[in-house]
Amino acid sequence: MKKLVGLLAVLALSAGYAFADCSGNEAITAKCRNGKVKVKLTGGTAGDTATFQLDGDESTNISVTVGDDGKAKAKWKGVADGAHTVSYLECGQSADVEC
């Protein structure tokens, strides 16, 4: 898992994502139900962009603006059964989820 997070960090940096804007208070959680993966960010900086990615696939990227409450969320539908990883690219965080 550490290698995967490290790889995601390298990929994120090469794609132009910078971890310098992260406060260290950010946290993500993910869950799956009926083929729908949902991710929630807490502790973000209001107005910042949060980009989430499913299973390291750039085509699944979803970018949202962090709300005044420091929260953001995204979801993917039609996700196959099995293990998946959701990443928060700007801060190099990931969460594993089972569908």
N, C-alpha and C. Protein backbone atom coordinates (compact mmCIF):
# COMPACT_ATOMS: atom_id res chain seq x y z
N MET A 1 0.82 -1.18 0.00
CA MET A 1 0.00 0.00 0.00
C MET A 1 0.86 1.25 0.00
N LYS A 2 1.97 1.24 0.76
CA LYS A 2 2.85 2.41 0.80
C LYS A 2 3.43 2.70 -0.57
N LYS A 3 3.76 1.63 -1.32
CA LYS A 3 4.28 1.83 -2.67
C LYS A 3 3.24 2.47 -3.56
N LEU A 4 1.98 2.06 -3.42
CA LEU A 4 0.89 2.63 -4.22
C LEU A 4 0.71 4.10 -3.90
N VAL A 5 0.72 4.44 -2.63
CA VAL A 5 0.57 5.85 -2.23
C VAL A 5 1.74 6.66 -2.76
N GLY A 6 2.95 6.10 -2.68
CA GLY A 6 4.13 6.78 -3.21
C GLY A 6 4.02 6.98 -4.71
N LEU A 7 3.55 5.96 -5.41
CA LEU A 7 3.37 6.06 -6.86
C LEU A 7 2.32 7.12 -7.18
N LEU A 8 1.23 7.13 -6.44
CA LEU A 8 0.21 8.15 -6.67
C LEU A 8 0.77 9.54 -6.43
N ALA A 9 1.63 9.68 -5.44
CA ALA A 9 2.23 10.99 -5.16
C ALA A 9 3.10 11.43 -6.33
N VAL A 10 3.90 10.51 -6.87
CA VAL A 10 4.74 10.84 -8.03
C VAL A 10 3.88 11.20 -9.22
N LEU A 11 2.84 10.42 -9.46
CA LEU A 11 1.95 10.72 -10.59
C LEU A 11 1.25 12.06 -10.39
N ALA A 12 0.82 12.34 -9.19
CA ALA A 12 0.15 13.61 -8.92
C ALA A 12 1.09 14.78 -9.13
N LEU A 13 2.32 14.65 -8.67
CA LEU A 13 3.28 15.73 -8.87
C LEU A 13 3.57 15.94 -10.34
N SER A 14 3.71 14.84 -11.09
CA SER A 14 3.99 14.97 -12.52
C SER A 14 2.79 15.54 -13.27
N ALA A 15 1.60 15.40 -12.70
CA ALA A 15 0.40 15.94 -13.35
C ALA A 15 0.14 17.38 -12.91
N GLY A 16 1.01 17.93 -12.08
CA GLY A 16 0.88 19.32 -11.67
C GLY A 16 0.18 19.54 -10.35
N TYR A 17 -0.07 18.49 -9.58
CA TYR A 17 -0.70 18.65 -8.27
C TYR A 17 0.39 18.92 -7.24
N ALA A 18 0.17 19.87 -6.38
CA ALA A 18 1.17 20.25 -5.38
C ALA A 18 0.64 19.97 -3.98
N PHE A 19 1.45 19.29 -3.17
CA PHE A 19 1.05 18.97 -1.81
C PHE A 19 1.30 20.13 -0.86
N ALA A 20 2.00 21.16 -1.31
CA ALA A 20 2.36 22.29 -0.45
C ALA A 20 1.13 23.02 0.08
N ASP A 21 0.02 22.96 -0.62
CA ASP A 21 -1.19 23.65 -0.20
C ASP A 21 -1.98 22.88 0.85
N CYS A 22 -1.53 21.71 1.22
CA CYS A 22 -2.25 20.90 2.19
C CYS A 22 -1.86 21.31 3.61
N SER A 23 -2.84 21.40 4.47
CA SER A 23 -2.60 21.83 5.85
C SER A 23 -2.23 20.67 6.77
N GLY A 24 -2.53 19.46 6.34
CA GLY A 24 -2.34 18.31 7.20
C GLY A 24 -3.61 17.93 7.95
N ASN A 25 -4.63 18.77 7.86
CA ASN A 25 -5.91 18.49 8.51
C ASN A 25 -6.87 17.73 7.60
N GLU A 26 -6.51 17.58 6.33
CA GLU A 26 -7.39 16.94 5.37
C GLU A 26 -7.50 15.44 5.65
N ALA A 27 -8.68 14.91 5.46
CA ALA A 27 -8.90 13.47 5.60
C ALA A 27 -10.00 13.06 4.63
N ILE A 28 -9.85 11.86 4.06
CA ILE A 28 -10.90 11.35 3.19
C ILE A 28 -11.41 10.02 3.72
N THR A 29 -12.68 9.77 3.44
CA THR A 29 -13.29 8.48 3.71
C THR A 29 -14.05 8.07 2.46
N ALA A 30 -14.16 6.78 2.24
CA ALA A 30 -14.87 6.28 1.06
C ALA A 30 -15.71 5.08 1.45
N LYS A 31 -16.83 4.92 0.73
CA LYS A 31 -17.68 3.75 0.95
C LYS A 31 -18.30 3.36 -0.39
N CYS A 32 -18.74 2.11 -0.46
CA CYS A 32 -19.38 1.61 -1.67
C CYS A 32 -20.68 0.92 -1.29
N ARG A 33 -21.70 1.21 -2.07
CA ARG A 33 -22.99 0.55 -1.87
C ARG A 33 -23.68 0.45 -3.23
N ASN A 34 -24.11 -0.75 -3.57
CA ASN A 34 -24.83 -0.98 -4.82
C ASN A 34 -24.10 -0.42 -6.04
N GLY A 35 -22.79 -0.64 -6.09
CA GLY A 35 -22.01 -0.22 -7.25
C GLY A 35 -21.75 1.27 -7.32
N LYS A 36 -21.97 1.99 -6.22
CA LYS A 36 -21.72 3.43 -6.18
C LYS A 36 -20.68 3.73 -5.11
N VAL A 37 -19.54 4.27 -5.54
CA VAL A 37 -18.49 4.66 -4.61
C VAL A 37 -18.64 6.15 -4.31
N LYS A 38 -18.65 6.47 -3.01
CA LYS A 38 -18.73 7.86 -2.56
C LYS A 38 -17.48 8.17 -1.74
N VAL A 39 -16.93 9.36 -1.96
CA VAL A 39 -15.78 9.83 -1.19
C VAL A 39 -16.14 11.16 -0.55
N LYS A 40 -15.68 11.34 0.69
CA LYS A 40 -15.91 12.60 1.40
C LYS A 40 -14.57 13.12 1.91
N LEU A 41 -14.37 14.41 1.74
CA LEU A 41 -13.20 15.11 2.26
C LEU A 41 -13.64 15.98 3.42
N THR A 42 -12.89 15.96 4.50
CA THR A 42 -13.09 16.89 5.61
C THR A 42 -11.77 17.58 5.89
N GLY A 43 -11.84 18.75 6.50
CA GLY A 43 -10.63 19.46 6.89
C GLY A 43 -9.94 20.19 5.76
N GLY A 44 -10.61 20.34 4.63
CA GLY A 44 -10.03 21.04 3.49
C GLY A 44 -10.10 22.55 3.67
N THR A 45 -9.45 23.26 2.76
CA THR A 45 -9.46 24.72 2.78
C THR A 45 -10.55 25.23 1.85
N ALA A 46 -11.46 26.02 2.39
CA ALA A 46 -12.59 26.54 1.62
C ALA A 46 -12.11 27.22 0.35
N GLY A 47 -12.77 26.89 -0.76
CA GLY A 47 -12.46 27.48 -2.05
C GLY A 47 -11.42 26.74 -2.85
N ASP A 48 -10.65 25.85 -2.23
CA ASP A 48 -9.66 25.06 -2.95
C ASP A 48 -10.35 24.04 -3.84
N THR A 49 -9.64 23.57 -4.85
CA THR A 49 -10.12 22.49 -5.70
C THR A 49 -9.64 21.16 -5.13
N ALA A 50 -10.55 20.20 -5.06
CA ALA A 50 -10.21 18.84 -4.64
C ALA A 50 -10.47 17.93 -5.84
N THR A 51 -9.44 17.20 -6.25
CA THR A 51 -9.57 16.26 -7.36
C THR A 51 -9.48 14.85 -6.82
N PHE A 52 -10.52 14.07 -7.08
CA PHE A 52 -10.59 12.68 -6.64
C PHE A 52 -10.43 11.77 -7.85
N GLN A 53 -9.82 10.60 -7.61
CA GLN A 53 -9.57 9.66 -8.70
C GLN A 53 -9.86 8.25 -8.19
N LEU A 54 -10.42 7.43 -9.06
CA LEU A 54 -10.76 6.05 -8.72
C LEU A 54 -9.77 5.10 -9.37
N ASP A 55 -9.13 4.27 -8.58
CA ASP A 55 -8.24 3.20 -9.04
C ASP A 55 -7.10 3.67 -9.94
N GLY A 56 -6.60 4.89 -9.70
CA GLY A 56 -5.45 5.36 -10.47
C GLY A 56 -5.75 5.65 -11.92
N ASP A 57 -7.01 5.72 -12.29
CA ASP A 57 -7.43 5.95 -13.68
C ASP A 57 -7.76 7.42 -13.88
N GLU A 58 -6.91 8.12 -14.61
CA GLU A 58 -7.08 9.56 -14.83
C GLU A 58 -8.43 9.91 -15.44
N SER A 59 -9.00 9.00 -16.21
CA SER A 59 -10.30 9.28 -16.85
C SER A 59 -11.45 9.34 -15.84
N THR A 60 -11.19 8.91 -14.60
CA THR A 60 -12.24 8.96 -13.57
C THR A 60 -12.14 10.21 -12.70
N ASN A 61 -11.20 11.09 -12.99
CA ASN A 61 -11.00 12.29 -12.16
C ASN A 61 -12.28 13.11 -12.04
N ILE A 62 -12.57 13.51 -10.81
CA ILE A 62 -13.68 14.42 -10.52
C ILE A 62 -13.10 15.56 -9.69
N SER A 63 -13.24 16.79 -10.19
CA SER A 63 -12.76 17.97 -9.46
C SER A 63 -13.95 18.75 -8.92
N VAL A 64 -13.87 19.09 -7.64
CA VAL A 64 -14.93 19.85 -6.98
C VAL A 64 -14.29 20.96 -6.14
N THR A 65 -15.09 21.95 -5.79
CA THR A 65 -14.61 23.04 -4.94
C THR A 65 -14.95 22.73 -3.49
N VAL A 66 -13.97 22.89 -2.61
CA VAL A 66 -14.18 22.66 -1.18
C VAL A 66 -15.10 23.75 -0.64
N GLY A 67 -16.11 23.34 0.10
CA GLY A 67 -17.10 24.26 0.65
C GLY A 67 -16.56 25.07 1.81
N ASP A 68 -17.35 26.04 2.24
CA ASP A 68 -16.98 26.90 3.37
C ASP A 68 -16.76 26.10 4.65
N ASP A 69 -17.37 24.92 4.73
CA ASP A 69 -17.22 24.06 5.90
C ASP A 69 -16.00 23.14 5.81
N GLY A 70 -15.20 23.29 4.73
CA GLY A 70 -14.01 22.47 4.57
C GLY A 70 -14.29 21.09 4.03
N LYS A 71 -15.50 20.88 3.51
CA LYS A 71 -15.89 19.56 3.03
C LYS A 71 -16.10 19.54 1.52
N ALA A 72 -15.89 18.37 0.94
CA ALA A 72 -16.15 18.14 -0.48
C ALA A 72 -16.51 16.67 -0.64
N LYS A 73 -17.23 16.35 -1.71
CA LYS A 73 -17.59 14.96 -1.95
C LYS A 73 -17.72 14.71 -3.44
N ALA A 74 -17.61 13.43 -3.79
CA ALA A 74 -17.76 13.00 -5.18
C ALA A 74 -18.27 11.57 -5.17
N LYS A 75 -18.79 11.13 -6.33
CA LYS A 75 -19.26 9.74 -6.42
C LYS A 75 -19.10 9.22 -7.84
N TRP A 76 -18.92 7.92 -7.92
CA TRP A 76 -18.85 7.20 -9.19
C TRP A 76 -19.93 6.13 -9.17
N LYS A 77 -20.66 5.99 -10.26
CA LYS A 77 -21.70 4.97 -10.37
C LYS A 77 -21.22 3.84 -11.28
N GLY A 78 -21.83 2.69 -11.15
CA GLY A 78 -21.51 1.56 -12.00
C GLY A 78 -20.14 0.96 -11.74
N VAL A 79 -19.69 1.02 -10.51
CA VAL A 79 -18.38 0.50 -10.13
C VAL A 79 -18.49 -1.01 -9.93
N ALA A 80 -17.54 -1.74 -10.48
CA ALA A 80 -17.54 -3.21 -10.41
C ALA A 80 -17.30 -3.69 -8.98
N ASP A 81 -17.75 -4.90 -8.69
CA ASP A 81 -17.49 -5.54 -7.41
C ASP A 81 -15.98 -5.70 -7.23
N GLY A 82 -15.54 -5.68 -5.98
CA GLY A 82 -14.13 -5.89 -5.68
C GLY A 82 -13.52 -4.72 -4.94
N ALA A 83 -12.20 -4.78 -4.80
CA ALA A 83 -11.46 -3.75 -4.07
C ALA A 83 -11.15 -2.56 -4.98
N HIS A 84 -11.26 -1.36 -4.43
CA HIS A 84 -10.99 -0.13 -5.17
C HIS A 84 -10.25 0.85 -4.26
N THR A 85 -9.54 1.79 -4.88
CA THR A 85 -8.83 2.83 -4.16
C THR A 85 -9.27 4.19 -4.68
N VAL A 86 -9.66 5.05 -3.77
CA VAL A 86 -10.02 6.43 -4.10
C VAL A 86 -8.87 7.32 -3.64
N SER A 87 -8.42 8.22 -4.50
CA SER A 87 -7.31 9.10 -4.17
C SER A 87 -7.74 10.56 -4.19
N TYR A 88 -7.18 11.32 -3.28
CA TYR A 88 -7.33 12.78 -3.23
C TYR A 88 -6.00 13.32 -3.73
N LEU A 89 -5.95 13.71 -4.98
CA LEU A 89 -4.69 13.98 -5.65
C LEU A 89 -3.91 15.16 -5.08
N GLU A 90 -4.58 16.23 -4.73
CA GLU A 90 -3.86 17.41 -4.26
C GLU A 90 -3.04 17.16 -3.00
N CYS A 91 -3.48 16.22 -2.18
CA CYS A 91 -2.77 15.96 -0.92
C CYS A 91 -2.17 14.57 -0.84
N GLY A 92 -2.25 13.80 -1.92
CA GLY A 92 -1.63 12.49 -1.95
C GLY A 92 -2.24 11.48 -0.98
N GLN A 93 -3.51 11.64 -0.66
CA GLN A 93 -4.18 10.72 0.26
C GLN A 93 -4.99 9.70 -0.52
N SER A 94 -5.19 8.54 0.09
CA SER A 94 -6.04 7.53 -0.53
C SER A 94 -6.83 6.78 0.53
N ALA A 95 -7.92 6.18 0.07
CA ALA A 95 -8.78 5.36 0.93
C ALA A 95 -9.20 4.13 0.14
N ASP A 96 -9.11 2.98 0.77
CA ASP A 96 -9.53 1.73 0.14
C ASP A 96 -10.99 1.46 0.45
N VAL A 97 -11.67 0.86 -0.52
CA VAL A 97 -13.08 0.55 -0.36
C VAL A 97 -13.37 -0.76 -1.08
N GLU A 98 -14.31 -1.52 -0.56
CA GLU A 98 -14.72 -2.81 -1.14
C GLU A 98 -16.17 -2.71 -1.60
N CYS A 99 -16.41 -3.09 -2.85
CA CYS A 99 -17.78 -3.09 -3.38
C CYS A 99 -18.30 -4.51 -3.45
